Structures are given as C-alpha cells and as structure tokens.
Amino acid sequence: MILKARAAFILPALLMLAGSCFAGEYAVLANGFRIYADHHDADGSIVRLHANGGVTELPASQVTGFEAEERMPEPAASLSESKPEPQPTAREMITDAAKRNGLPPELVHSVVAAESAYRANAVSRKGAIGLMQLMPATARNYGADPADPKQNVAAGTQYLRELLLKYDGHVTRALAAYNAGPGAVDRYHGVPPYSETRAYVARVIREYQKAQP
C-alpha cells in the first residue's frame, strides 16, 4: 500500500529531531522516537513529560532515557536604544512551535499548508478555524483562541505531538487522526477508508518529502 511505503520514508526523519534554542530535554522512546519536554518526573511505572504548560503521561517501559538539550548562548545586550521587536511571521511562529514541541518544522509546515494554505482567517465548512484548522472544542482543550494565529499554531502543534505519541510515532495514523479524529483511526486500526482523509495524509507526506534537503 502506498501510504505504508511513504510512512517508512518519513519515520527516520522523525527519529532525528533537530535541537532548538530552548533549554529542556528529549525523551527517547523505545522505538527510537525523540520527544521534547521542558522537564520530566517519574512516578512508579509512569513518566510525565512537561511541556508548554501541559503534561503527557507515558508508561515508563516506553522511555529508554533522556538527552539534555544544548542551551544556545543569549545574545549580548545592545547598548544602543532598544527598539520594539518585530512581530513573528506565520512561518516563524510555526517553526518556533514545532521546535518547542520537539517536532520537525517541515512536518508542521506541511500540515499548515494542507490545512489552510497559511491563511490565518481560513474557516472550513465544518467550522475549523485558522492556520491549523482547529475545531473550537479542540482549541478549548488547550485553552487557546483559535482565531489568534499564535495560539492556533501552538495548540495545533501540541495536538499533533500528542497524536504522534498516542500512535507511537506512526506518522500516517497521527495525520489521519488530525484530519478525521482519533476515533476513526482507532475504529479502523489505521488510516480510515475516507477518500478525503487518505488524500490529506498523502498530500502532507508529499509536501514533507519535498521539503527535505
């Protein structure tokens, strides 16, 4: 099946997530997948990953270790008169959110391209809103205003991260769940037989492949 072949292509890239300038660590899972966290704590058979004010619980048996993230040195303060910092562009916000969540920026950019074509004011027929086309209920789960581009991207990226963890780094399943919902993926034990969802998954993976150096 073509989607399975594409998944085999994309997974190795997810196992080598680039470091970022934010202090923290990477949890290394048993399948080789690395996921960013600000910090972690363990409670018996459970490991909790703390990131962006949220907590993800994993069985301790799935975590093989942790790798410290290198901290980039802070730039020296300028003696000249300070100027207002320019507001980040949509692409900069997406890259920043991806790095904060330990995901390849190219993957998140590919999702945004497929979801909204980078249109912050996009609204779907089903009511999905913004750059990452969040449903209002999903946005509420992350305490985000879906009409605010920065909050939209932050919540959408956190949601994608959690789906990747739920499906053990299986990218096609995570993308299908982002499009059709986890219930549909669980019901069909994989990408559901919806033409829209299959086309969406194929498009995101195709865009991600094109973005590789």
N, C-alpha and C. Protein backbone atom coordinates (compact mmCIF):
# COMPACT_ATOMS: atom_id res chain seq x y z
N MET A 1 0.85 -1.19 0.00
CA MET A 1 0.00 0.00 0.00
C MET A 1 0.88 1.24 0.00
N ILE A 2 0.52 2.26 -0.79
CA ILE A 2 1.41 3.40 -0.99
C ILE A 2 1.60 4.21 0.27
N LEU A 3 0.55 4.33 1.13
CA LEU A 3 0.71 5.11 2.35
C LEU A 3 1.70 4.46 3.29
N LYS A 4 1.71 3.13 3.36
CA LYS A 4 2.65 2.45 4.22
C LYS A 4 4.07 2.67 3.74
N ALA A 5 4.29 2.67 2.45
CA ALA A 5 5.63 2.92 1.91
C ALA A 5 6.08 4.32 2.24
N ARG A 6 5.20 5.29 2.15
CA ARG A 6 5.57 6.65 2.46
C ARG A 6 5.87 6.80 3.94
N ALA A 7 5.14 6.07 4.79
CA ALA A 7 5.41 6.14 6.22
C ALA A 7 6.81 5.68 6.51
N ALA A 8 7.27 4.63 5.83
CA ALA A 8 8.61 4.13 6.04
C ALA A 8 9.65 5.18 5.67
N PHE A 9 9.32 6.01 4.70
CA PHE A 9 10.24 7.07 4.28
C PHE A 9 10.32 8.17 5.31
N ILE A 10 9.17 8.53 5.89
CA ILE A 10 9.12 9.71 6.75
C ILE A 10 9.58 9.43 8.17
N LEU A 11 9.38 8.22 8.68
CA LEU A 11 9.69 7.93 10.07
C LEU A 11 11.15 8.17 10.45
N PRO A 12 12.14 7.75 9.64
CA PRO A 12 13.52 8.00 10.05
C PRO A 12 13.81 9.47 10.29
N ALA A 13 13.17 10.35 9.55
CA ALA A 13 13.41 11.78 9.77
C ALA A 13 12.89 12.22 11.12
N LEU A 14 11.80 11.61 11.57
CA LEU A 14 11.25 11.97 12.87
C LEU A 14 12.11 11.47 14.01
N LEU A 15 12.96 10.50 13.76
CA LEU A 15 13.80 9.98 14.82
C LEU A 15 15.02 10.84 15.06
N MET A 16 15.23 11.88 14.24
CA MET A 16 16.40 12.74 14.37
C MET A 16 15.94 14.19 14.44
N LEU A 17 15.19 14.52 15.49
CA LEU A 17 14.65 15.86 15.61
C LEU A 17 15.76 16.84 15.89
N ALA A 18 15.69 17.99 15.24
CA ALA A 18 16.73 18.99 15.43
C ALA A 18 16.58 19.65 16.78
N GLY A 19 17.71 20.05 17.39
CA GLY A 19 17.70 20.77 18.65
C GLY A 19 17.24 22.18 18.42
N SER A 20 16.85 22.86 19.48
CA SER A 20 16.40 24.24 19.39
C SER A 20 17.11 25.06 20.44
N CYS A 21 16.79 26.34 20.48
CA CYS A 21 17.46 27.23 21.41
C CYS A 21 16.78 27.25 22.77
N PHE A 22 15.78 26.39 23.01
CA PHE A 22 15.08 26.40 24.26
C PHE A 22 15.64 25.32 25.17
N ALA A 23 15.96 25.71 26.43
CA ALA A 23 16.53 24.75 27.37
C ALA A 23 15.49 23.70 27.70
N GLY A 24 15.89 22.45 27.78
CA GLY A 24 14.98 21.37 28.10
C GLY A 24 15.67 20.05 27.88
N GLU A 25 14.91 19.05 27.44
CA GLU A 25 15.47 17.73 27.23
C GLU A 25 14.62 16.99 26.21
N TYR A 26 15.14 15.85 25.75
CA TYR A 26 14.40 14.99 24.84
C TYR A 26 14.24 13.63 25.50
N ALA A 27 13.00 13.15 25.55
CA ALA A 27 12.74 11.79 26.00
C ALA A 27 12.94 10.86 24.81
N VAL A 28 13.74 9.81 25.01
CA VAL A 28 14.00 8.84 23.95
C VAL A 28 13.10 7.63 24.19
N LEU A 29 12.18 7.37 23.25
CA LEU A 29 11.25 6.26 23.40
C LEU A 29 11.86 4.96 22.90
N ALA A 30 11.23 3.86 23.26
CA ALA A 30 11.76 2.54 22.92
C ALA A 30 11.83 2.33 21.42
N ASN A 31 10.97 3.02 20.64
CA ASN A 31 11.00 2.85 19.18
C ASN A 31 11.97 3.81 18.50
N GLY A 32 12.74 4.57 19.32
CA GLY A 32 13.72 5.50 18.76
C GLY A 32 13.21 6.91 18.60
N PHE A 33 11.91 7.11 18.73
CA PHE A 33 11.32 8.44 18.59
C PHE A 33 11.76 9.33 19.75
N ARG A 34 12.12 10.58 19.46
CA ARG A 34 12.52 11.52 20.49
C ARG A 34 11.49 12.63 20.59
N ILE A 35 11.11 12.98 21.82
CA ILE A 35 10.07 13.99 22.01
C ILE A 35 10.55 15.02 23.02
N TYR A 36 10.33 16.29 22.71
CA TYR A 36 10.83 17.36 23.56
C TYR A 36 9.99 17.54 24.82
N ALA A 37 10.64 17.89 25.92
CA ALA A 37 9.95 18.23 27.16
C ALA A 37 10.76 19.30 27.88
N ASP A 38 10.05 20.19 28.60
CA ASP A 38 10.76 21.16 29.43
C ASP A 38 11.47 20.44 30.56
N HIS A 39 10.77 19.44 31.15
CA HIS A 39 11.36 18.59 32.18
C HIS A 39 10.44 17.38 32.36
N HIS A 40 10.85 16.43 33.18
CA HIS A 40 10.04 15.25 33.40
C HIS A 40 10.09 14.84 34.87
N ASP A 41 9.15 13.99 35.26
CA ASP A 41 9.22 13.34 36.57
C ASP A 41 8.65 11.95 36.42
N ALA A 42 9.06 11.08 37.32
CA ALA A 42 8.64 9.68 37.26
C ALA A 42 7.86 9.32 38.53
N ASP A 43 6.85 8.50 38.36
CA ASP A 43 6.04 8.03 39.49
C ASP A 43 5.75 6.55 39.28
N GLY A 44 6.66 5.71 39.76
CA GLY A 44 6.49 4.28 39.58
C GLY A 44 6.59 3.88 38.13
N SER A 45 5.50 3.37 37.57
CA SER A 45 5.50 2.88 36.20
C SER A 45 5.11 3.97 35.19
N ILE A 46 4.96 5.22 35.66
CA ILE A 46 4.54 6.32 34.80
C ILE A 46 5.62 7.39 34.73
N VAL A 47 5.88 7.90 33.52
CA VAL A 47 6.76 9.04 33.33
C VAL A 47 5.93 10.18 32.79
N ARG A 48 6.08 11.35 33.39
CA ARG A 48 5.33 12.52 32.95
C ARG A 48 6.26 13.49 32.25
N LEU A 49 5.90 13.89 31.02
CA LEU A 49 6.66 14.87 30.26
C LEU A 49 5.92 16.20 30.35
N HIS A 50 6.62 17.23 30.83
CA HIS A 50 6.03 18.55 30.98
C HIS A 50 6.53 19.45 29.86
N ALA A 51 5.60 20.05 29.12
CA ALA A 51 5.99 20.95 28.02
C ALA A 51 4.86 21.92 27.74
N ASN A 52 5.21 23.19 27.59
CA ASN A 52 4.25 24.23 27.24
C ASN A 52 3.08 24.30 28.21
N GLY A 53 3.34 24.01 29.48
CA GLY A 53 2.29 24.08 30.48
C GLY A 53 1.40 22.85 30.52
N GLY A 54 1.63 21.87 29.66
CA GLY A 54 0.84 20.64 29.63
C GLY A 54 1.67 19.45 30.10
N VAL A 55 0.99 18.34 30.32
CA VAL A 55 1.65 17.12 30.80
C VAL A 55 1.20 15.95 29.95
N THR A 56 2.16 15.15 29.49
CA THR A 56 1.88 13.92 28.76
C THR A 56 2.39 12.75 29.57
N GLU A 57 1.53 11.78 29.88
CA GLU A 57 1.92 10.61 30.66
C GLU A 57 2.24 9.45 29.72
N LEU A 58 3.35 8.76 30.01
CA LEU A 58 3.77 7.60 29.23
C LEU A 58 4.14 6.46 30.17
N PRO A 59 3.93 5.21 29.76
CA PRO A 59 4.44 4.09 30.56
C PRO A 59 5.96 4.18 30.61
N ALA A 60 6.53 3.97 31.79
CA ALA A 60 7.98 4.05 31.94
C ALA A 60 8.69 3.06 31.02
N SER A 61 8.03 1.95 30.69
CA SER A 61 8.65 0.95 29.83
C SER A 61 8.89 1.46 28.42
N GLN A 62 8.19 2.53 28.01
CA GLN A 62 8.36 3.08 26.67
C GLN A 62 9.49 4.09 26.59
N VAL A 63 10.02 4.52 27.73
CA VAL A 63 11.06 5.55 27.76
C VAL A 63 12.40 4.90 28.10
N THR A 64 13.36 4.99 27.18
CA THR A 64 14.66 4.36 27.40
C THR A 64 15.68 5.32 28.00
N GLY A 65 15.42 6.62 27.96
CA GLY A 65 16.36 7.56 28.53
C GLY A 65 16.02 8.99 28.15
N PHE A 66 16.86 9.92 28.60
CA PHE A 66 16.66 11.33 28.32
C PHE A 66 17.97 11.95 27.86
N GLU A 67 17.87 12.88 26.93
CA GLU A 67 19.04 13.59 26.43
C GLU A 67 18.85 15.07 26.69
N ALA A 68 19.85 15.67 27.33
CA ALA A 68 19.77 17.10 27.63
C ALA A 68 19.84 17.90 26.35
N GLU A 69 19.10 18.98 26.29
CA GLU A 69 19.13 19.86 25.14
C GLU A 69 20.20 20.92 25.36
N GLU A 70 20.97 21.18 24.33
CA GLU A 70 22.01 22.19 24.45
C GLU A 70 21.38 23.57 24.47
N ARG A 71 21.85 24.40 25.40
CA ARG A 71 21.35 25.77 25.52
C ARG A 71 22.20 26.69 24.66
N MET A 72 21.54 27.47 23.81
CA MET A 72 22.24 28.43 23.00
C MET A 72 22.55 29.66 23.83
N PRO A 73 23.74 30.25 23.70
CA PRO A 73 24.08 31.43 24.49
C PRO A 73 23.18 32.61 24.14
N GLU A 74 22.81 33.37 25.18
CA GLU A 74 21.98 34.55 24.97
C GLU A 74 22.80 35.63 24.28
N PRO A 75 22.22 36.34 23.32
CA PRO A 75 22.97 37.42 22.68
C PRO A 75 23.25 38.53 23.67
N ALA A 76 24.39 39.19 23.49
CA ALA A 76 24.76 40.28 24.38
C ALA A 76 23.80 41.44 24.21
N ALA A 77 23.47 42.08 25.33
CA ALA A 77 22.54 43.20 25.29
C ALA A 77 23.16 44.37 24.53
N SER A 78 22.37 44.99 23.71
CA SER A 78 22.86 46.12 22.94
C SER A 78 22.85 47.38 23.80
N LEU A 79 23.89 48.22 23.64
CA LEU A 79 23.97 49.47 24.38
C LEU A 79 23.18 50.56 23.68
N SER A 80 22.80 50.31 22.44
CA SER A 80 22.03 51.30 21.71
C SER A 80 20.59 51.32 22.18
N GLU A 81 19.88 52.32 21.79
CA GLU A 81 18.48 52.45 22.21
C GLU A 81 17.68 51.24 21.73
N SER A 82 16.95 50.62 22.66
CA SER A 82 16.18 49.44 22.31
C SER A 82 15.04 49.80 21.38
N LYS A 83 14.73 48.88 20.47
CA LYS A 83 13.66 49.07 19.52
C LYS A 83 12.62 47.97 19.71
N PRO A 84 11.37 48.25 19.42
CA PRO A 84 10.34 47.21 19.55
C PRO A 84 10.69 46.01 18.67
N GLU A 85 10.54 44.82 19.23
CA GLU A 85 10.84 43.62 18.46
C GLU A 85 9.77 43.41 17.39
N PRO A 86 10.17 43.08 16.18
CA PRO A 86 9.18 42.83 15.13
C PRO A 86 8.35 41.60 15.46
N GLN A 87 7.09 41.65 15.07
CA GLN A 87 6.21 40.51 15.31
C GLN A 87 6.60 39.36 14.38
N PRO A 88 6.61 38.12 14.89
CA PRO A 88 6.99 36.99 14.04
C PRO A 88 5.97 36.76 12.94
N THR A 89 6.45 36.28 11.81
CA THR A 89 5.56 35.93 10.71
C THR A 89 4.91 34.58 11.02
N ALA A 90 3.91 34.22 10.22
CA ALA A 90 3.25 32.93 10.42
C ALA A 90 4.25 31.78 10.31
N ARG A 91 5.15 31.86 9.34
CA ARG A 91 6.13 30.79 9.16
C ARG A 91 7.07 30.71 10.35
N GLU A 92 7.44 31.86 10.90
CA GLU A 92 8.31 31.86 12.08
C GLU A 92 7.59 31.28 13.29
N MET A 93 6.31 31.60 13.45
CA MET A 93 5.53 31.05 14.57
C MET A 93 5.42 29.54 14.46
N ILE A 94 5.23 29.05 13.24
CA ILE A 94 5.09 27.61 13.03
C ILE A 94 6.40 26.90 13.35
N THR A 95 7.50 27.43 12.87
CA THR A 95 8.81 26.84 13.14
C THR A 95 9.09 26.84 14.63
N ASP A 96 8.80 27.95 15.31
CA ASP A 96 9.03 28.06 16.74
C ASP A 96 8.20 27.04 17.51
N ALA A 97 6.91 26.92 17.17
CA ALA A 97 6.03 25.98 17.85
C ALA A 97 6.49 24.54 17.63
N ALA A 98 6.94 24.23 16.41
CA ALA A 98 7.42 22.88 16.12
C ALA A 98 8.62 22.53 16.99
N LYS A 99 9.58 23.45 17.09
CA LYS A 99 10.78 23.21 17.88
C LYS A 99 10.45 23.07 19.36
N ARG A 100 9.52 23.89 19.84
CA ARG A 100 9.13 23.81 21.25
C ARG A 100 8.51 22.45 21.57
N ASN A 101 7.86 21.85 20.60
CA ASN A 101 7.21 20.57 20.82
C ASN A 101 8.05 19.39 20.34
N GLY A 102 9.30 19.66 19.94
CA GLY A 102 10.19 18.58 19.53
C GLY A 102 9.80 17.90 18.24
N LEU A 103 9.15 18.65 17.33
CA LEU A 103 8.73 18.09 16.05
C LEU A 103 9.51 18.73 14.91
N PRO A 104 9.71 18.02 13.81
CA PRO A 104 10.38 18.62 12.65
C PRO A 104 9.55 19.78 12.11
N PRO A 105 10.11 20.98 12.02
CA PRO A 105 9.34 22.11 11.50
C PRO A 105 8.72 21.82 10.13
N GLU A 106 9.45 21.07 9.28
CA GLU A 106 8.93 20.78 7.94
C GLU A 106 7.61 20.00 8.00
N LEU A 107 7.47 19.14 9.01
CA LEU A 107 6.23 18.38 9.13
C LEU A 107 5.08 19.29 9.50
N VAL A 108 5.29 20.18 10.46
CA VAL A 108 4.22 21.08 10.88
C VAL A 108 3.88 22.06 9.76
N HIS A 109 4.89 22.54 9.03
CA HIS A 109 4.63 23.42 7.89
C HIS A 109 3.79 22.69 6.84
N SER A 110 4.06 21.41 6.63
CA SER A 110 3.30 20.64 5.64
C SER A 110 1.84 20.49 6.06
N VAL A 111 1.61 20.34 7.37
CA VAL A 111 0.24 20.25 7.88
C VAL A 111 -0.48 21.58 7.66
N VAL A 112 0.20 22.69 7.98
CA VAL A 112 -0.42 24.01 7.80
C VAL A 112 -0.73 24.27 6.33
N ALA A 113 0.20 23.90 5.44
CA ALA A 113 -0.02 24.11 4.01
C ALA A 113 -1.26 23.34 3.55
N ALA A 114 -1.42 22.12 4.03
CA ALA A 114 -2.57 21.30 3.63
C ALA A 114 -3.86 21.79 4.27
N GLU A 115 -3.77 22.26 5.51
CA GLU A 115 -4.97 22.66 6.24
C GLU A 115 -5.53 24.00 5.77
N SER A 116 -4.66 25.00 5.64
CA SER A 116 -5.16 26.35 5.39
C SER A 116 -4.41 27.13 4.33
N ALA A 117 -3.36 26.54 3.75
CA ALA A 117 -2.51 27.27 2.80
C ALA A 117 -1.97 28.55 3.44
N TYR A 118 -1.69 28.47 4.75
CA TYR A 118 -1.13 29.59 5.52
C TYR A 118 -2.09 30.77 5.66
N ARG A 119 -3.38 30.54 5.55
CA ARG A 119 -4.36 31.62 5.71
C ARG A 119 -4.87 31.63 7.15
N ALA A 120 -4.49 32.67 7.90
CA ALA A 120 -4.86 32.74 9.32
C ALA A 120 -6.36 32.90 9.52
N ASN A 121 -7.07 33.42 8.51
CA ASN A 121 -8.51 33.65 8.64
C ASN A 121 -9.34 32.55 7.99
N ALA A 122 -8.73 31.44 7.65
CA ALA A 122 -9.46 30.35 6.99
C ALA A 122 -10.47 29.72 7.95
N VAL A 123 -11.66 29.45 7.44
CA VAL A 123 -12.71 28.77 8.21
C VAL A 123 -13.33 27.71 7.28
N SER A 124 -13.36 26.47 7.73
CA SER A 124 -13.89 25.40 6.89
C SER A 124 -15.40 25.30 7.01
N ARG A 125 -16.01 24.51 6.13
CA ARG A 125 -17.46 24.30 6.19
C ARG A 125 -17.88 23.65 7.50
N LYS A 126 -16.98 22.88 8.10
CA LYS A 126 -17.29 22.20 9.36
C LYS A 126 -17.01 23.07 10.58
N GLY A 127 -16.45 24.28 10.35
CA GLY A 127 -16.20 25.18 11.47
C GLY A 127 -14.78 25.19 11.99
N ALA A 128 -13.86 24.50 11.30
CA ALA A 128 -12.45 24.52 11.72
C ALA A 128 -11.87 25.89 11.41
N ILE A 129 -11.00 26.37 12.30
CA ILE A 129 -10.57 27.77 12.24
C ILE A 129 -9.05 27.90 12.15
N GLY A 130 -8.59 28.85 11.34
CA GLY A 130 -7.22 29.33 11.39
C GLY A 130 -6.19 28.49 10.66
N LEU A 131 -4.92 28.81 10.96
CA LEU A 131 -3.79 28.21 10.26
C LEU A 131 -3.78 26.69 10.33
N MET A 132 -4.06 26.14 11.52
CA MET A 132 -4.03 24.69 11.69
C MET A 132 -5.43 24.11 11.76
N GLN A 133 -6.44 24.92 11.36
CA GLN A 133 -7.83 24.46 11.23
C GLN A 133 -8.29 23.69 12.48
N LEU A 134 -8.26 24.39 13.60
CA LEU A 134 -8.70 23.80 14.85
C LEU A 134 -10.21 23.89 14.99
N MET A 135 -10.83 22.80 15.41
CA MET A 135 -12.22 22.87 15.79
C MET A 135 -12.31 23.60 17.13
N PRO A 136 -13.37 24.36 17.37
CA PRO A 136 -13.48 25.11 18.63
C PRO A 136 -13.30 24.23 19.87
N ALA A 137 -13.84 23.02 19.85
CA ALA A 137 -13.72 22.14 21.01
C ALA A 137 -12.27 21.75 21.25
N THR A 138 -11.53 21.48 20.18
CA THR A 138 -10.11 21.13 20.32
C THR A 138 -9.33 22.32 20.88
N ALA A 139 -9.62 23.52 20.36
CA ALA A 139 -8.94 24.72 20.86
C ALA A 139 -9.21 24.91 22.34
N ARG A 140 -10.46 24.69 22.77
CA ARG A 140 -10.79 24.84 24.20
C ARG A 140 -10.00 23.87 25.06
N ASN A 141 -9.76 22.67 24.54
CA ASN A 141 -8.99 21.68 25.31
C ASN A 141 -7.59 22.18 25.64
N TYR A 142 -7.06 23.08 24.81
CA TYR A 142 -5.72 23.61 25.02
C TYR A 142 -5.75 25.07 25.51
N GLY A 143 -6.93 25.53 25.87
CA GLY A 143 -7.06 26.90 26.37
C GLY A 143 -6.66 27.95 25.36
N ALA A 144 -6.93 27.67 24.08
CA ALA A 144 -6.47 28.56 23.01
C ALA A 144 -7.65 29.24 22.32
N ASP A 145 -7.38 30.44 21.84
CA ASP A 145 -8.32 31.15 20.98
C ASP A 145 -7.95 30.79 19.54
N PRO A 146 -8.76 30.01 18.84
CA PRO A 146 -8.38 29.55 17.50
C PRO A 146 -8.26 30.67 16.48
N ALA A 147 -8.85 31.83 16.79
CA ALA A 147 -8.76 32.96 15.87
C ALA A 147 -7.46 33.73 16.03
N ASP A 148 -6.72 33.46 17.10
CA ASP A 148 -5.42 34.09 17.31
C ASP A 148 -4.36 33.21 16.66
N PRO A 149 -3.65 33.69 15.64
CA PRO A 149 -2.71 32.83 14.91
C PRO A 149 -1.68 32.15 15.80
N LYS A 150 -1.10 32.88 16.75
CA LYS A 150 -0.07 32.29 17.60
C LYS A 150 -0.64 31.19 18.47
N GLN A 151 -1.81 31.44 19.08
CA GLN A 151 -2.44 30.42 19.92
C GLN A 151 -2.91 29.24 19.08
N ASN A 152 -3.39 29.52 17.88
CA ASN A 152 -3.84 28.46 16.97
C ASN A 152 -2.71 27.50 16.65
N VAL A 153 -1.56 28.07 16.28
CA VAL A 153 -0.40 27.24 15.92
C VAL A 153 0.12 26.49 17.14
N ALA A 154 0.18 27.15 18.29
CA ALA A 154 0.68 26.49 19.50
C ALA A 154 -0.20 25.29 19.87
N ALA A 155 -1.52 25.49 19.85
CA ALA A 155 -2.43 24.40 20.22
C ALA A 155 -2.42 23.29 19.18
N GLY A 156 -2.43 23.66 17.90
CA GLY A 156 -2.43 22.65 16.84
C GLY A 156 -1.17 21.79 16.88
N THR A 157 -0.03 22.41 17.16
CA THR A 157 1.22 21.66 17.22
C THR A 157 1.26 20.74 18.43
N GLN A 158 0.75 21.23 19.57
CA GLN A 158 0.67 20.37 20.74
C GLN A 158 -0.23 19.16 20.47
N TYR A 159 -1.35 19.41 19.79
CA TYR A 159 -2.28 18.33 19.45
C TYR A 159 -1.60 17.31 18.54
N LEU A 160 -0.86 17.78 17.54
CA LEU A 160 -0.15 16.87 16.64
C LEU A 160 0.89 16.06 17.39
N ARG A 161 1.60 16.69 18.30
CA ARG A 161 2.59 16.00 19.14
C ARG A 161 1.93 14.86 19.92
N GLU A 162 0.78 15.17 20.54
CA GLU A 162 0.11 14.16 21.35
C GLU A 162 -0.40 13.00 20.49
N LEU A 163 -0.83 13.30 19.26
CA LEU A 163 -1.26 12.22 18.37
C LEU A 163 -0.08 11.34 17.97
N LEU A 164 1.08 11.94 17.72
CA LEU A 164 2.27 11.15 17.39
C LEU A 164 2.66 10.26 18.56
N LEU A 165 2.54 10.76 19.79
CA LEU A 165 2.83 9.94 20.96
C LEU A 165 1.80 8.82 21.10
N LYS A 166 0.54 9.16 20.88
CA LYS A 166 -0.53 8.16 21.00
C LYS A 166 -0.31 7.00 20.05
N TYR A 167 0.15 7.31 18.82
CA TYR A 167 0.34 6.26 17.82
C TYR A 167 1.80 5.87 17.67
N ASP A 168 2.59 6.03 18.74
CA ASP A 168 3.98 5.56 18.79
C ASP A 168 4.81 6.02 17.61
N GLY A 169 4.64 7.27 17.20
CA GLY A 169 5.45 7.81 16.11
C GLY A 169 4.99 7.39 14.73
N HIS A 170 3.85 6.72 14.61
CA HIS A 170 3.33 6.29 13.30
C HIS A 170 2.69 7.50 12.64
N VAL A 171 3.41 8.10 11.70
CA VAL A 171 3.03 9.40 11.15
C VAL A 171 1.69 9.36 10.41
N THR A 172 1.46 8.35 9.58
CA THR A 172 0.22 8.32 8.80
C THR A 172 -1.00 8.24 9.72
N ARG A 173 -0.89 7.49 10.81
CA ARG A 173 -2.02 7.40 11.74
C ARG A 173 -2.24 8.73 12.46
N ALA A 174 -1.16 9.36 12.86
CA ALA A 174 -1.29 10.65 13.55
C ALA A 174 -1.93 11.69 12.62
N LEU A 175 -1.50 11.73 11.37
CA LEU A 175 -2.07 12.68 10.41
C LEU A 175 -3.54 12.35 10.13
N ALA A 176 -3.85 11.08 10.01
CA ALA A 176 -5.24 10.69 9.78
C ALA A 176 -6.11 11.10 10.96
N ALA A 177 -5.58 10.94 12.18
CA ALA A 177 -6.34 11.33 13.37
C ALA A 177 -6.51 12.84 13.43
N TYR A 178 -5.51 13.59 12.97
CA TYR A 178 -5.63 15.05 12.95
C TYR A 178 -6.75 15.47 12.00
N ASN A 179 -6.90 14.72 10.91
CA ASN A 179 -7.91 15.06 9.91
C ASN A 179 -9.29 14.51 10.25
N ALA A 180 -9.35 13.24 10.62
CA ALA A 180 -10.65 12.57 10.79
C ALA A 180 -11.00 12.29 12.24
N GLY A 181 -10.06 12.51 13.16
CA GLY A 181 -10.29 12.24 14.57
C GLY A 181 -9.72 10.90 14.99
N PRO A 182 -9.22 10.82 16.23
CA PRO A 182 -8.65 9.55 16.72
C PRO A 182 -9.65 8.41 16.72
N GLY A 183 -10.92 8.73 16.94
CA GLY A 183 -11.93 7.67 16.98
C GLY A 183 -11.98 6.89 15.67
N ALA A 184 -11.90 7.58 14.54
CA ALA A 184 -11.94 6.91 13.24
C ALA A 184 -10.71 6.04 13.03
N VAL A 185 -9.55 6.54 13.44
CA VAL A 185 -8.31 5.77 13.29
C VAL A 185 -8.35 4.52 14.16
N ASP A 186 -8.83 4.67 15.39
CA ASP A 186 -8.91 3.53 16.30
C ASP A 186 -9.93 2.51 15.79
N ARG A 187 -11.01 3.00 15.24
CA ARG A 187 -12.06 2.10 14.76
C ARG A 187 -11.58 1.24 13.59
N TYR A 188 -10.77 1.82 12.71
CA TYR A 188 -10.29 1.08 11.54
C TYR A 188 -8.86 0.56 11.73
N HIS A 189 -8.30 0.77 12.91
CA HIS A 189 -6.94 0.29 13.21
C HIS A 189 -5.92 0.81 12.19
N GLY A 190 -6.08 2.04 11.80
CA GLY A 190 -5.18 2.65 10.82
C GLY A 190 -5.89 3.78 10.10
N VAL A 191 -5.35 4.18 8.97
CA VAL A 191 -5.97 5.26 8.19
C VAL A 191 -7.35 4.81 7.74
N PRO A 192 -8.40 5.56 8.10
CA PRO A 192 -9.76 5.13 7.71
C PRO A 192 -9.97 5.23 6.21
N PRO A 193 -10.93 4.48 5.68
CA PRO A 193 -11.15 4.44 4.22
C PRO A 193 -11.96 5.62 3.72
N TYR A 194 -11.59 6.83 4.16
CA TYR A 194 -12.27 8.03 3.69
C TYR A 194 -11.38 8.67 2.62
N SER A 195 -11.95 8.94 1.48
CA SER A 195 -11.15 9.50 0.39
C SER A 195 -10.52 10.83 0.79
N GLU A 196 -11.25 11.66 1.52
CA GLU A 196 -10.70 12.96 1.95
C GLU A 196 -9.49 12.77 2.86
N THR A 197 -9.61 11.83 3.81
CA THR A 197 -8.52 11.61 4.77
C THR A 197 -7.31 11.01 4.09
N ARG A 198 -7.52 10.04 3.21
CA ARG A 198 -6.40 9.42 2.50
C ARG A 198 -5.68 10.45 1.62
N ALA A 199 -6.45 11.30 0.95
CA ALA A 199 -5.83 12.33 0.12
C ALA A 199 -5.06 13.33 0.98
N TYR A 200 -5.61 13.66 2.14
CA TYR A 200 -4.95 14.60 3.06
C TYR A 200 -3.62 14.04 3.55
N VAL A 201 -3.63 12.79 4.00
CA VAL A 201 -2.39 12.17 4.50
C VAL A 201 -1.34 12.12 3.40
N ALA A 202 -1.74 11.72 2.21
CA ALA A 202 -0.80 11.64 1.09
C ALA A 202 -0.23 13.02 0.75
N ARG A 203 -1.08 14.04 0.81
CA ARG A 203 -0.62 15.39 0.48
C ARG A 203 0.39 15.90 1.50
N VAL A 204 0.11 15.71 2.79
CA VAL A 204 1.03 16.19 3.82
C VAL A 204 2.38 15.49 3.70
N ILE A 205 2.36 14.18 3.50
CA ILE A 205 3.62 13.43 3.37
C ILE A 205 4.37 13.86 2.12
N ARG A 206 3.64 14.10 1.04
CA ARG A 206 4.29 14.55 -0.20
C ARG A 206 4.96 15.91 0.01
N GLU A 207 4.28 16.83 0.69
CA GLU A 207 4.85 18.15 0.96
C GLU A 207 6.07 18.02 1.89
N TYR A 208 5.98 17.12 2.85
CA TYR A 208 7.10 16.93 3.77
C TYR A 208 8.31 16.37 3.02
N GLN A 209 8.08 15.44 2.13
CA GLN A 209 9.17 14.87 1.35
C GLN A 209 9.84 15.93 0.49
N LYS A 210 9.04 16.81 -0.10
CA LYS A 210 9.58 17.88 -0.95
C LYS A 210 10.43 18.86 -0.14
N ALA A 211 10.10 19.01 1.15
CA ALA A 211 10.83 19.97 1.99
C ALA A 211 12.16 19.45 2.48
N GLN A 212 12.39 18.14 2.29
CA GLN A 212 13.67 17.57 2.76
C GLN A 212 14.83 18.08 1.90
N PRO A 213 15.99 18.37 2.57
CA PRO A 213 17.15 18.88 1.79
C PRO A 213 17.68 17.82 0.85
